[in-house]
Structure formats: C-alpha cells, structure tokens
Amino acid sequence: MENNNRKYLTVTALNKYIAYKIDNDPNLGFVYLQGELSNIRFSKEHLYFVIKDPDSEISGIMYSSSATKLTFMPKDGMKVLVSGKISVYQKKGTYNLIAITMSEAGLGALYQDFLFLKDKLEKEGLFAIEHKKPIPEYSEKIGVITSATADAFQDIKSTIAQRFPLAQIYLYPALVQGVDAPKSLIKALEQANKENIVDVIIIARGGGSFEDLSCFNDEKLARSIYASQIPIVSGVGHETDFTICDFVTDERAPTPTGAAVRVTKNKTLLLQEIDALTYRLVSSIKRVLENKFYEYDALVKKHHFKNFIQSIEEKISSLEQLTYQLQANSPLAVINRSLERTEELTHRLQLVNLDKKIELLEQDVDRKKNTLSMFLIDKVNSYERKVDSFIDKLILLNPLTIMKKGYTLTYQNDKLLSSISQINVNQDLVIRFHDGSIKAKIIKEKDGKYGKI
C-alpha cells in the first residue's frame, strides 16, 4: 500500500533544486577546464562544442559576444584551455559549460612571451622606421635563409626565375622549426653578413601554427637581424601570421613568394624602362641636332648664305642614317635576345640539372650582360663624338669667324655689293664688320674708280 506520508516532488521542482545547488556552489561558479574539442559547430554566430578527456566529456556553448574575440579557429581534436561557468537547463535536466574564454593549450605562455618581447624591443627602438635599411631596387645577388628542403625555398626560386632570371640566389640553409632553429638562423645570418656578397637577404618559412613559428620570436635572433649590414625582407608564414622577425626586419612580406616579388624587378617592366630610356636618348640627340640646325638656318638667312642648305640637308640625311642604324642595333633587341637565350638556358638547366652546366650558363649570362653594357656605352660615346664634330664644322663655316680675320661686307640700299660697277656715287655706303657697321660717303673718284671714303 502506498505510504501517503511521503512527499513526492515534481520533476520541475527537482531540476530547480539541482540548479539552485549548482548556482550557489563556489566550486562551480567559475571553472577552468583543459581538454580536447569535438563536435564543433557554429549556429547564429554561437559556438557549440564538446570538451572531453579520455574518461568523460561535457557539452559547452560560447555565445557570439565571446566567440568573436577568439584569436584562432577551433577545430575537432584541438587541445584547449577553457574558462566559464556551469549552467543547468532545467527543462531537460541537463547541464552545460558556458564558455567565456578559450585558448590553444600550450600557447598561452608562448603568446604572453611574444607580447612581452615585442613590447621590450619596440621600446628599445628595434622596430623604428628610421633604423630600417632601404631595399635595393635592383638586386642581382639574393641571399635566402630557410630550409633547403622547404617548399618556401622552391617558391622563392621559381618566382625569382620568372621575374628576374639574371639574379643569382645564394642559399644559407637553416632550421626553421624547433628549439635549435634560432641558433641555426642566427648562424646563417652571420655567415651571410661575413661573406657580404648578396645585395639583400630573404628570411623565410612556409605557414604553420603559432608554436611552429615561435622560433622566429627569439630575442637573440631579433638582435642579430637588427645588427645585419645587409637589408633583410621577412617572408614568414601566411599573411595573417606575425612574428618578432617581421617587426625587426627592414620590410615584411606576407609570404615567401611575396618576399621574392619584393626583392626582384619584373623583367617586363625592366625592358619597358630600357625602351623608354632608349627613346629618350634618341629624342635628345635629335633635339640637339634640330636646335643646331635652326640656329644655322637663321644664320644663313641673315647673311644670305643660302648655299649652306644643301650641306645641312646632307647632314640631315646622315642623321637619318645614324638613327636607322641605332634602331637596327637597338639595345632593347640585344636585351631581348639575351633574355631569350637566358630563358632557353634556364629551361635546359631544369632538364639536365648539372652543376657544371649551371656554372657555365651563369658565366655566359655575365658575359652577355657586360657585352650589352659596353655596347650601349660605345654607342652613346660614338653619337656624342659625332654631335661634337657637327658643332665644330658649323663653327668653322660660320661667316662671322671669317669676318674676324679682317673681311667686311659693303651694302648700298640694303643690297650687298660684289663689284665697283654696282656703286651709286650719290648714295652712302654701309660697311659691316664682324662686331658692327659704319656709314661712309664717297668723296673722290680716282682713275674711274672710287678711292677715298
């Protein structure tokens, strides 16, 4: 028979009592858990998850106000540190963890060390703009500090080969992960500065977790980078990754490929610049000769020496021939041939991959570069000498130069007299010297000629 003296609770009352006990338990008011994430999902910007250890698990939720502050993307299997409070869902009699903060396990101390070192070095001025060295516009010798087997090095090599194949790459191999990586990176950097043969250095590594990249947050490495006499570009991780190395180097690139782009000049743009300089050189020579022609033409018209026009026409014809020769032997054409040859050799290198052929091809590229430089210098010097020669001839043919020797020009009624038979004795004469003119009267005739003036 049922005992009527017993007091039966409703399910709601029981759940309310359990919720009351949990809410007022000081050990459950705010808890700190360490475990592994699973069943990750987002709904309406809220994060739902399960955190577990080998023997147990608890469901959790992080509301959007807290989830938007996360500095990483939670994933299944990730070990995390979570803080929050226990909450009872009275309707179903279940309890959950309401997460307030979440961080990757093992990264909390690393990140705090990163922030502390960043603040310390920034106060010392290691990140100051005025201490950063400019990156050369044209780098023919590029040093790379990274792992010799890393994909990052292959990306850098292929990018440089596409953009500026004349550049030489010097690898200074180093570890880019692990406790020994900072010392290895410092050794490679010191070796590059000791040899002092490269124009710029790329220090690079592919993407990875914050812990993987922590070797680039080493204080001794930062100070070695700051002390480097050679400009350094960092290409560590992905665009969203930042390390101490990024802040202290002379310039940061988002990726290793981006670093290779930053230190090289696009060969297409380079050819366009050379073409523009060639055009300016030709235009400048033409402009100088045109100005000299206009000066000469004005002088001929002023002194009625129109017979010089034929000579000028001959000079113009000669100039046109020289211009045609310059275009036929355009430096751009020579460069294009050299670049085509370089690309052909590069392709053959990739096929045969022999060290000896690499050395021979590099020497061939250097010879072509020197030949091109000497060719351009000789052409410019040749045209300068020809222009100087034209100017000297103009000076010799200048009628004023002849008049300085004592010759004069005699005019009557603004007409140049070439014979005594043209003189009208009743009119004045104008006698022109090289530095001026005088007016004269005919005062006496002698033996059918005009004597004293």
Protein backbone atom coordinates (compact mmCIF):
# COMPACT_ATOMS: atom_id res chain seq x y z
CA MET A 1 0.00 0.00 0.00
CA GLU A 2 1.21 3.43 -0.87
CA ASN A 3 2.62 5.49 2.00
CA ASN A 4 0.71 8.79 1.98
CA ASN A 5 3.20 10.31 4.44
CA ARG A 6 5.88 10.58 1.72
CA LYS A 7 6.20 13.91 -0.13
CA TYR A 8 6.65 13.49 -3.87
CA LEU A 9 8.42 16.27 -5.87
CA THR A 10 7.62 17.33 -9.33
CA VAL A 11 10.36 16.97 -11.95
CA THR A 12 10.43 20.77 -12.31
CA ALA A 13 10.95 21.21 -8.58
CA LEU A 14 13.81 18.70 -8.59
CA ASN A 15 15.53 20.39 -11.53
CA LYS A 16 15.09 23.79 -9.91
CA TYR A 17 16.66 22.47 -6.72
CA ILE A 18 19.62 20.99 -8.60
CA ALA A 19 20.06 24.29 -10.49
CA TYR A 20 19.94 26.18 -7.21
CA LYS A 21 22.63 23.96 -5.68
CA ILE A 22 24.90 24.31 -8.73
CA ASP A 23 24.44 28.07 -8.98
CA ASN A 24 25.36 28.52 -5.33
CA ASP A 25 28.29 26.09 -5.27
CA PRO A 26 31.51 28.21 -5.13
CA ASN A 27 33.43 25.44 -6.91
CA LEU A 28 31.11 25.62 -9.92
CA GLY A 29 30.63 29.39 -10.10
CA PHE A 30 33.63 29.70 -12.45
CA VAL A 31 35.63 26.71 -13.67
CA TYR A 32 38.83 26.19 -15.67
CA LEU A 33 38.92 23.13 -17.91
CA GLN A 34 41.57 21.54 -20.10
CA GLY A 35 40.59 19.02 -22.73
CA GLU A 36 40.07 18.11 -26.38
CA LEU A 37 37.42 19.67 -28.61
CA SER A 38 34.93 17.66 -30.66
CA ASN A 39 31.58 18.16 -32.40
CA ILE A 40 32.47 21.77 -33.27
CA ARG A 41 29.67 23.72 -34.97
CA PHE A 42 28.58 27.33 -35.35
CA SER A 43 24.94 28.44 -35.26
CA LYS A 44 23.87 32.09 -35.40
CA GLU A 45 27.48 33.05 -34.57
CA HIS A 46 27.34 30.97 -31.36
CA LEU A 47 29.94 28.22 -30.95
CA TYR A 48 28.71 24.78 -29.83
CA PHE A 49 31.22 22.11 -28.82
CA VAL A 50 32.08 19.16 -26.60
CA ILE A 51 35.20 19.20 -24.43
CA LYS A 52 36.45 15.83 -23.25
CA ASP A 53 39.28 13.84 -21.73
CA PRO A 54 39.88 10.08 -22.06
CA ASP A 55 37.18 9.24 -19.48
CA SER A 56 34.49 11.90 -19.67
CA GLU A 57 33.01 14.81 -21.62
CA ILE A 58 30.76 17.83 -21.20
CA SER A 59 28.82 19.89 -23.74
CA GLY A 60 29.53 23.57 -24.00
CA ILE A 61 28.45 26.75 -25.71
CA MET A 62 30.26 30.02 -26.30
CA TYR A 63 27.95 32.88 -27.17
CA SER A 64 28.82 35.24 -30.04
CA SER A 65 29.90 38.04 -27.69
CA SER A 66 32.78 35.80 -26.55
CA ALA A 67 33.27 33.78 -29.75
CA THR A 68 34.08 36.91 -31.81
CA LYS A 69 37.07 37.55 -29.53
CA LEU A 70 38.78 34.25 -30.36
CA THR A 71 42.23 34.62 -31.97
CA PHE A 72 42.15 31.16 -33.60
CA MET A 73 39.67 28.85 -35.35
CA PRO A 74 38.60 25.97 -33.08
CA LYS A 75 38.81 22.55 -34.73
CA ASP A 76 37.91 18.99 -33.74
CA GLY A 77 40.77 17.31 -31.92
CA MET A 78 42.36 20.59 -30.81
CA LYS A 79 43.56 20.72 -27.19
CA VAL A 80 42.29 23.87 -25.47
CA LEU A 81 42.06 25.73 -22.18
CA VAL A 82 38.50 26.89 -21.43
CA SER A 83 37.12 29.03 -18.61
CA GLY A 84 33.44 29.60 -17.82
CA LYS A 85 30.55 28.57 -15.59
CA ILE A 86 28.23 25.58 -15.26
CA SER A 87 24.61 26.19 -16.22
CA VAL A 88 21.59 23.87 -15.76
CA TYR A 89 18.99 23.53 -18.50
CA GLN A 90 16.04 22.87 -16.21
CA LYS A 91 13.58 21.87 -18.92
CA LYS A 92 15.58 18.75 -19.84
CA GLY A 93 17.53 18.31 -16.64
CA THR A 94 20.92 18.69 -18.31
CA TYR A 95 23.88 20.87 -17.54
CA ASN A 96 26.36 22.61 -19.85
CA LEU A 97 29.52 24.66 -19.76
CA ILE A 98 29.01 28.32 -20.71
CA ALA A 99 32.48 29.21 -22.06
CA ILE A 100 33.79 32.73 -21.58
CA THR A 101 37.40 32.31 -22.84
CA MET A 102 39.19 29.69 -24.92
CA SER A 103 42.84 29.38 -25.97
CA GLU A 104 45.03 26.71 -27.50
CA ALA A 105 46.67 24.59 -24.82
CA GLY A 106 50.38 25.26 -24.58
CA LEU A 107 50.19 28.56 -26.50
CA GLY A 108 49.12 30.81 -23.67
CA ALA A 109 52.61 31.17 -22.21
CA LEU A 110 54.17 31.40 -25.66
CA TYR A 111 51.87 34.21 -26.69
CA GLN A 112 52.49 36.11 -23.46
CA ASP A 113 56.25 35.78 -24.03
CA PHE A 114 55.72 37.06 -27.58
CA LEU A 115 53.83 40.14 -26.38
CA PHE A 116 56.40 40.86 -23.65
CA LEU A 117 59.37 40.61 -26.06
CA LYS A 118 57.56 42.69 -28.70
CA ASP A 119 56.92 45.47 -26.17
CA LYS A 120 60.52 45.32 -24.89
CA LEU A 121 62.18 45.51 -28.31
CA GLU A 122 59.78 48.20 -29.53
CA LYS A 123 60.70 50.41 -26.56
CA GLU A 124 64.39 49.86 -27.36
CA GLY A 125 63.80 51.13 -30.93
CA LEU A 126 64.48 47.90 -32.83
CA PHE A 127 61.28 48.40 -34.84
CA ALA A 128 61.82 52.12 -35.57
CA ILE A 129 61.37 53.19 -39.19
CA GLU A 130 64.46 55.39 -39.18
CA HIS A 131 66.69 52.35 -38.49
CA LYS A 132 65.34 50.30 -41.40
CA LYS A 133 67.61 49.96 -44.44
CA PRO A 134 66.17 50.56 -47.92
CA ILE A 135 65.61 47.51 -50.12
CA PRO A 136 67.67 47.78 -53.37
CA GLU A 137 65.59 48.40 -56.46
CA TYR A 138 67.77 46.00 -58.49
CA SER A 139 69.22 43.00 -56.62
CA GLU A 140 71.46 40.79 -58.74
CA LYS A 141 72.58 38.63 -55.80
CA ILE A 142 69.87 37.47 -53.40
CA GLY A 143 70.52 35.56 -50.18
CA VAL A 144 67.86 33.19 -48.81
CA ILE A 145 67.82 31.91 -45.24
CA THR A 146 65.47 28.93 -44.93
CA SER A 147 65.43 25.14 -45.01
CA ALA A 148 66.97 23.74 -48.20
CA THR A 149 64.17 21.17 -48.48
CA ALA A 150 61.29 23.53 -47.72
CA ASP A 151 58.56 24.36 -50.22
CA ALA A 152 59.19 28.01 -49.36
CA PHE A 153 62.64 27.84 -50.97
CA GLN A 154 61.23 26.29 -54.13
CA ASP A 155 58.56 29.02 -54.31
CA ILE A 156 61.22 31.72 -53.93
CA LYS A 157 63.45 30.21 -56.63
CA SER A 158 60.63 29.84 -59.15
CA THR A 159 59.34 33.36 -58.50
CA ILE A 160 62.77 34.94 -58.96
CA ALA A 161 63.39 32.88 -62.13
CA GLN A 162 60.13 34.15 -63.64
CA ARG A 163 60.56 37.80 -62.67
CA PHE A 164 64.31 38.44 -62.91
CA PRO A 165 66.24 35.41 -64.27
CA LEU A 166 69.55 37.30 -64.23
CA ALA A 167 69.56 37.26 -60.40
CA GLN A 168 71.78 34.78 -58.56
CA ILE A 169 70.40 33.00 -55.48
CA TYR A 170 72.63 32.14 -52.51
CA LEU A 171 71.09 29.69 -50.02
CA TYR A 172 72.14 29.88 -46.38
CA PRO A 173 70.42 26.74 -45.03
CA ALA A 174 68.95 26.84 -41.54
CA LEU A 175 66.42 25.08 -39.33
CA VAL A 176 63.05 26.87 -39.33
CA GLN A 177 61.29 24.94 -36.55
CA GLY A 178 62.20 23.58 -33.13
CA VAL A 179 64.34 24.61 -30.19
CA ASP A 180 67.57 24.64 -32.21
CA ALA A 181 66.12 26.78 -35.01
CA PRO A 182 67.02 30.24 -33.54
CA LYS A 183 70.72 29.35 -33.25
CA SER A 184 70.69 27.90 -36.75
CA LEU A 185 69.02 31.03 -38.18
CA ILE A 186 71.50 33.31 -36.38
CA LYS A 187 74.45 31.30 -37.71
CA ALA A 188 73.15 31.54 -41.28
CA LEU A 189 72.57 35.30 -40.93
CA GLU A 190 76.06 35.89 -39.55
CA GLN A 191 77.55 33.81 -42.38
CA ALA A 192 75.71 35.91 -44.99
CA ASN A 193 77.00 39.14 -43.43
CA LYS A 194 80.53 37.76 -43.15
CA GLU A 195 80.65 36.81 -46.83
CA ASN A 196 78.93 40.10 -47.79
CA ILE A 197 78.28 39.05 -51.37
CA VAL A 198 74.48 39.46 -51.57
CA ASP A 199 72.53 42.67 -52.07
CA VAL A 200 69.55 41.61 -49.95
CA ILE A 201 68.52 38.71 -47.70
CA ILE A 202 65.19 36.89 -47.54
CA ILE A 203 64.48 35.07 -44.28
CA ALA A 204 61.53 32.77 -44.94
CA ARG A 205 59.43 29.82 -43.94
CA GLY A 206 56.02 28.48 -45.00
CA GLY A 207 52.86 28.59 -42.92
CA GLY A 208 52.34 26.84 -39.62
CA SER A 209 50.83 27.18 -36.17
CA PHE A 210 51.89 29.88 -33.75
CA GLU A 211 54.01 27.29 -31.95
CA ASP A 212 55.68 26.23 -35.22
CA LEU A 213 56.64 29.84 -35.94
CA SER A 214 57.80 30.57 -32.39
CA CYS A 215 61.49 30.18 -33.34
CA PHE A 216 61.16 33.50 -35.19
CA ASN A 217 60.19 35.16 -31.88
CA ASP A 218 63.66 34.65 -30.39
CA GLU A 219 65.28 37.75 -28.83
CA LYS A 220 68.84 36.88 -29.93
CA LEU A 221 67.64 36.34 -33.49
CA ALA A 222 65.87 39.72 -33.42
CA ARG A 223 69.04 41.48 -32.32
CA SER A 224 71.10 39.69 -35.00
CA ILE A 225 68.63 40.86 -37.65
CA TYR A 226 68.83 44.41 -36.30
CA ALA A 227 72.67 44.28 -36.45
CA SER A 228 72.76 43.00 -40.04
CA GLN A 229 74.57 45.27 -42.51
CA ILE A 230 72.59 43.75 -45.40
CA PRO A 231 68.90 44.67 -45.87
CA ILE A 232 66.52 41.88 -44.85
CA VAL A 233 62.98 41.06 -46.04
CA SER A 234 60.94 38.62 -43.97
CA GLY A 235 58.53 36.16 -45.58
CA VAL A 236 57.47 34.01 -42.63
CA GLY A 237 54.16 32.14 -42.56
CA HIS A 238 50.98 33.43 -44.12
CA GLU A 239 49.63 36.97 -44.43
CA THR A 240 47.85 36.77 -41.06
CA ASP A 241 50.94 35.47 -39.21
CA PHE A 242 53.15 37.94 -37.38
CA THR A 243 56.44 37.24 -35.61
CA ILE A 244 59.11 39.36 -33.95
CA CYS A 245 61.19 38.75 -37.08
CA ASP A 246 58.55 40.61 -39.15
CA PHE A 247 58.75 43.70 -36.95
CA VAL A 248 62.57 43.99 -36.79
CA THR A 249 63.42 43.24 -40.44
CA ASP A 250 63.69 46.12 -42.90
CA GLU A 251 60.48 45.06 -44.64
CA ARG A 252 57.81 42.39 -44.16
CA ALA A 253 56.25 40.37 -46.98
CA PRO A 254 53.05 38.35 -46.39
CA THR A 255 54.54 35.08 -47.73
CA PRO A 256 57.86 33.67 -49.03
CA THR A 257 56.62 34.24 -52.58
CA GLY A 258 55.75 37.83 -51.66
CA ALA A 259 59.29 38.32 -50.36
CA ALA A 260 60.72 37.08 -53.69
CA VAL A 261 58.46 39.54 -55.53
CA ARG A 262 59.59 42.41 -53.28
CA VAL A 263 63.33 41.95 -53.93
CA THR A 264 63.12 41.50 -57.71
CA LYS A 265 62.29 43.69 -60.65
CA ASN A 266 59.78 42.40 -63.17
CA LYS A 267 61.71 41.75 -66.39
CA THR A 268 58.83 43.11 -68.49
CA LEU A 269 58.89 46.41 -66.60
CA LEU A 270 62.68 46.48 -66.86
CA LEU A 271 62.51 46.09 -70.63
CA GLN A 272 59.94 48.87 -70.79
CA GLU A 273 62.25 51.15 -68.79
CA ILE A 274 65.18 50.39 -71.10
CA ASP A 275 62.97 51.04 -74.12
CA ALA A 276 61.86 54.36 -72.63
CA LEU A 277 65.48 55.36 -71.90
CA THR A 278 66.48 54.43 -75.44
CA TYR A 279 63.66 56.55 -76.85
CA ARG A 280 64.69 59.46 -74.62
CA LEU A 281 68.31 59.14 -75.75
CA VAL A 282 67.39 59.17 -79.43
CA SER A 283 64.95 62.06 -78.89
CA SER A 284 67.59 64.03 -77.01
CA ILE A 285 70.13 63.61 -79.84
CA LYS A 286 67.53 64.63 -82.40
CA ARG A 287 66.52 67.64 -80.35
CA VAL A 288 70.11 68.85 -80.05
CA LEU A 289 70.73 68.49 -83.76
CA GLU A 290 67.43 70.17 -84.61
CA ASN A 291 68.32 73.15 -82.42
CA LYS A 292 71.70 73.44 -84.10
CA PHE A 293 70.02 73.25 -87.47
CA TYR A 294 67.61 76.07 -86.59
CA GLU A 295 70.50 78.23 -85.38
CA TYR A 296 72.41 77.54 -88.56
CA ASP A 297 69.38 78.17 -90.77
CA ALA A 298 68.77 81.52 -89.06
CA LEU A 299 72.43 82.47 -89.56
CA VAL A 300 72.33 81.54 -93.26
CA LYS A 301 69.21 83.60 -93.88
CA LYS A 302 70.58 86.58 -92.04
CA HIS A 303 73.78 86.71 -94.05
CA HIS A 304 72.35 85.44 -97.35
CA PHE A 305 74.45 82.26 -97.45
CA LYS A 306 71.71 80.06 -98.75
CA ASN A 307 74.14 77.72 -100.38
CA PHE A 308 74.61 76.09 -96.95
CA ILE A 309 71.17 74.47 -97.18
CA GLN A 310 72.50 71.66 -99.32
CA SER A 311 75.16 70.94 -96.72
CA ILE A 312 72.58 70.86 -93.97
CA GLU A 313 70.41 68.50 -96.00
CA GLU A 314 73.37 66.19 -96.31
CA LYS A 315 73.83 66.33 -92.55
CA ILE A 316 70.16 65.54 -92.03
CA SER A 317 70.46 62.57 -94.35
CA SER A 318 73.48 61.43 -92.37
CA LEU A 319 71.50 61.84 -89.14
CA GLU A 320 68.66 59.75 -90.53
CA GLN A 321 71.10 57.03 -91.45
CA LEU A 322 72.58 57.12 -87.95
CA THR A 323 69.09 56.98 -86.44
CA TYR A 324 68.24 53.98 -88.59
CA GLN A 325 71.44 52.25 -87.51
CA LEU A 326 70.62 52.99 -83.86
CA GLN A 327 67.18 51.45 -84.25
CA ALA A 328 68.57 48.46 -86.11
CA ASN A 329 71.02 47.85 -83.28
CA SER A 330 68.54 48.75 -80.53
CA PRO A 331 69.71 47.86 -77.00
CA LEU A 332 66.21 46.50 -76.44
CA ALA A 333 66.70 43.99 -79.28
CA VAL A 334 70.03 42.93 -77.82
CA ILE A 335 68.45 42.57 -74.36
CA ASN A 336 65.55 40.55 -75.76
CA ARG A 337 67.98 38.20 -77.47
CA SER A 338 69.95 37.88 -74.25
CA LEU A 339 66.80 37.20 -72.20
CA GLU A 340 65.60 34.62 -74.72
CA ARG A 341 68.95 32.92 -74.50
CA THR A 342 68.77 33.07 -70.71
CA GLU A 343 65.29 31.52 -70.66
CA GLU A 344 66.48 28.77 -73.02
CA LEU A 345 69.46 28.03 -70.78
CA THR A 346 67.23 28.08 -67.70
CA HIS A 347 64.93 25.53 -69.31
CA ARG A 348 67.86 23.32 -70.21
CA LEU A 349 69.15 23.64 -66.65
CA GLN A 350 65.85 22.38 -65.30
CA LEU A 351 66.05 19.39 -67.66
CA VAL A 352 69.65 18.32 -67.07
CA ASN A 353 70.24 19.69 -63.53
CA LEU A 354 74.07 19.50 -63.72
CA ASP A 355 76.17 21.80 -61.54
CA LYS A 356 78.81 22.26 -64.21
CA LYS A 357 76.33 23.46 -66.80
CA ILE A 358 74.83 25.83 -64.26
CA GLU A 359 78.23 27.40 -63.70
CA LEU A 360 78.88 27.73 -67.47
CA LEU A 361 75.45 29.26 -68.10
CA GLU A 362 75.94 31.80 -65.29
CA GLN A 363 79.27 32.83 -66.80
CA ASP A 364 77.62 33.17 -70.22
CA VAL A 365 74.92 35.43 -68.78
CA ASP A 366 77.58 37.62 -67.12
CA ARG A 367 79.48 37.94 -70.41
CA LYS A 368 76.33 38.95 -72.27
CA LYS A 369 75.48 41.48 -69.61
CA ASN A 370 78.97 43.01 -69.82
CA THR A 371 78.84 42.99 -73.63
CA LEU A 372 75.48 44.74 -73.56
CA SER A 373 76.77 47.38 -71.18
CA MET A 374 79.87 48.02 -73.29
CA PHE A 375 77.76 48.13 -76.47
CA LEU A 376 75.41 50.75 -75.05
CA ILE A 377 78.29 52.85 -73.69
CA ASP A 378 80.16 52.70 -77.02
CA LYS A 379 77.02 53.72 -78.93
CA VAL A 380 76.37 56.71 -76.67
CA ASN A 381 80.02 57.81 -76.83
CA SER A 382 80.02 57.45 -80.64
CA TYR A 383 76.96 59.69 -81.06
CA GLU A 384 78.39 62.25 -78.65
CA ARG A 385 81.58 62.43 -80.74
CA LYS A 386 79.56 62.86 -83.94
CA VAL A 387 77.48 65.66 -82.44
CA ASP A 388 80.67 67.42 -81.27
CA SER A 389 82.10 67.02 -84.81
CA PHE A 390 78.99 68.62 -86.36
CA ILE A 391 79.24 71.55 -83.97
CA ASP A 392 82.94 72.07 -84.78
CA LYS A 393 82.16 72.11 -88.53
CA LEU A 394 79.38 74.65 -88.01
CA ILE A 395 81.78 76.89 -86.12
CA LEU A 396 84.37 76.69 -88.94
CA LEU A 397 81.75 77.56 -91.57
CA ASN A 398 80.35 80.49 -89.57
CA PRO A 399 80.75 83.67 -91.69
CA LEU A 400 81.37 85.72 -88.55
CA THR A 401 84.51 83.70 -87.97
CA ILE A 402 85.78 84.69 -91.46
CA MET A 403 84.95 88.38 -90.89
CA LYS A 404 87.04 88.39 -87.71
CA LYS A 405 90.10 87.98 -89.98
CA GLY A 406 89.53 91.47 -91.46
CA TYR A 407 86.96 90.85 -94.17
CA THR A 408 83.97 93.19 -94.43
CA LEU A 409 80.65 93.37 -96.25
CA THR A 410 79.62 96.54 -98.15
CA TYR A 411 75.95 97.43 -98.65
CA GLN A 412 74.14 100.18 -100.56
CA ASN A 413 70.39 100.49 -100.27
CA ASP A 414 70.44 97.28 -98.17
CA LYS A 415 72.00 95.45 -101.11
CA LEU A 416 75.28 93.57 -100.77
CA LEU A 417 77.84 94.94 -103.32
CA SER A 418 80.05 92.45 -105.08
CA SER A 419 81.54 94.81 -107.77
CA ILE A 420 82.57 98.52 -108.02
CA SER A 421 80.32 98.83 -111.02
CA GLN A 422 77.30 98.45 -108.74
CA ILE A 423 78.15 101.64 -106.74
CA ASN A 424 75.97 104.75 -106.98
CA VAL A 425 78.30 107.67 -106.06
CA ASN A 426 75.42 109.81 -104.85
CA GLN A 427 74.39 107.44 -102.09
CA ASP A 428 76.03 106.44 -98.81
CA LEU A 429 77.61 103.10 -98.19
CA VAL A 430 77.23 100.80 -95.16
CA ILE A 431 80.30 98.77 -94.29
CA ARG A 432 79.70 95.84 -91.91
CA PHE A 433 82.46 94.39 -89.71
CA HIS A 434 82.13 91.28 -87.56
CA ASP A 435 81.35 93.39 -84.49
CA GLY A 436 79.30 96.24 -86.02
CA SER A 437 78.87 98.55 -89.04
CA ILE A 438 79.66 102.14 -90.17
CA LYS A 439 78.09 104.54 -92.70
CA ALA A 440 80.50 106.03 -95.30
CA LYS A 441 80.38 108.70 -98.07
CA ILE A 442 82.19 108.56 -101.43
CA ILE A 443 84.31 111.78 -101.59
CA LYS A 444 86.62 111.19 -104.51
CA GLU A 445 86.80 109.27 -107.75
CA LYS A 446 90.22 108.11 -108.99
CA ASP A 447 91.02 106.62 -112.40
CA GLY A 448 87.45 105.59 -112.97
CA LYS A 449 87.34 104.04 -109.50
CA TYR A 450 86.28 105.33 -106.15
CA GLY A 451 89.26 105.96 -103.99
CA LYS A 452 88.99 107.53 -100.55
CA ILE A 453 85.89 107.08 -98.48
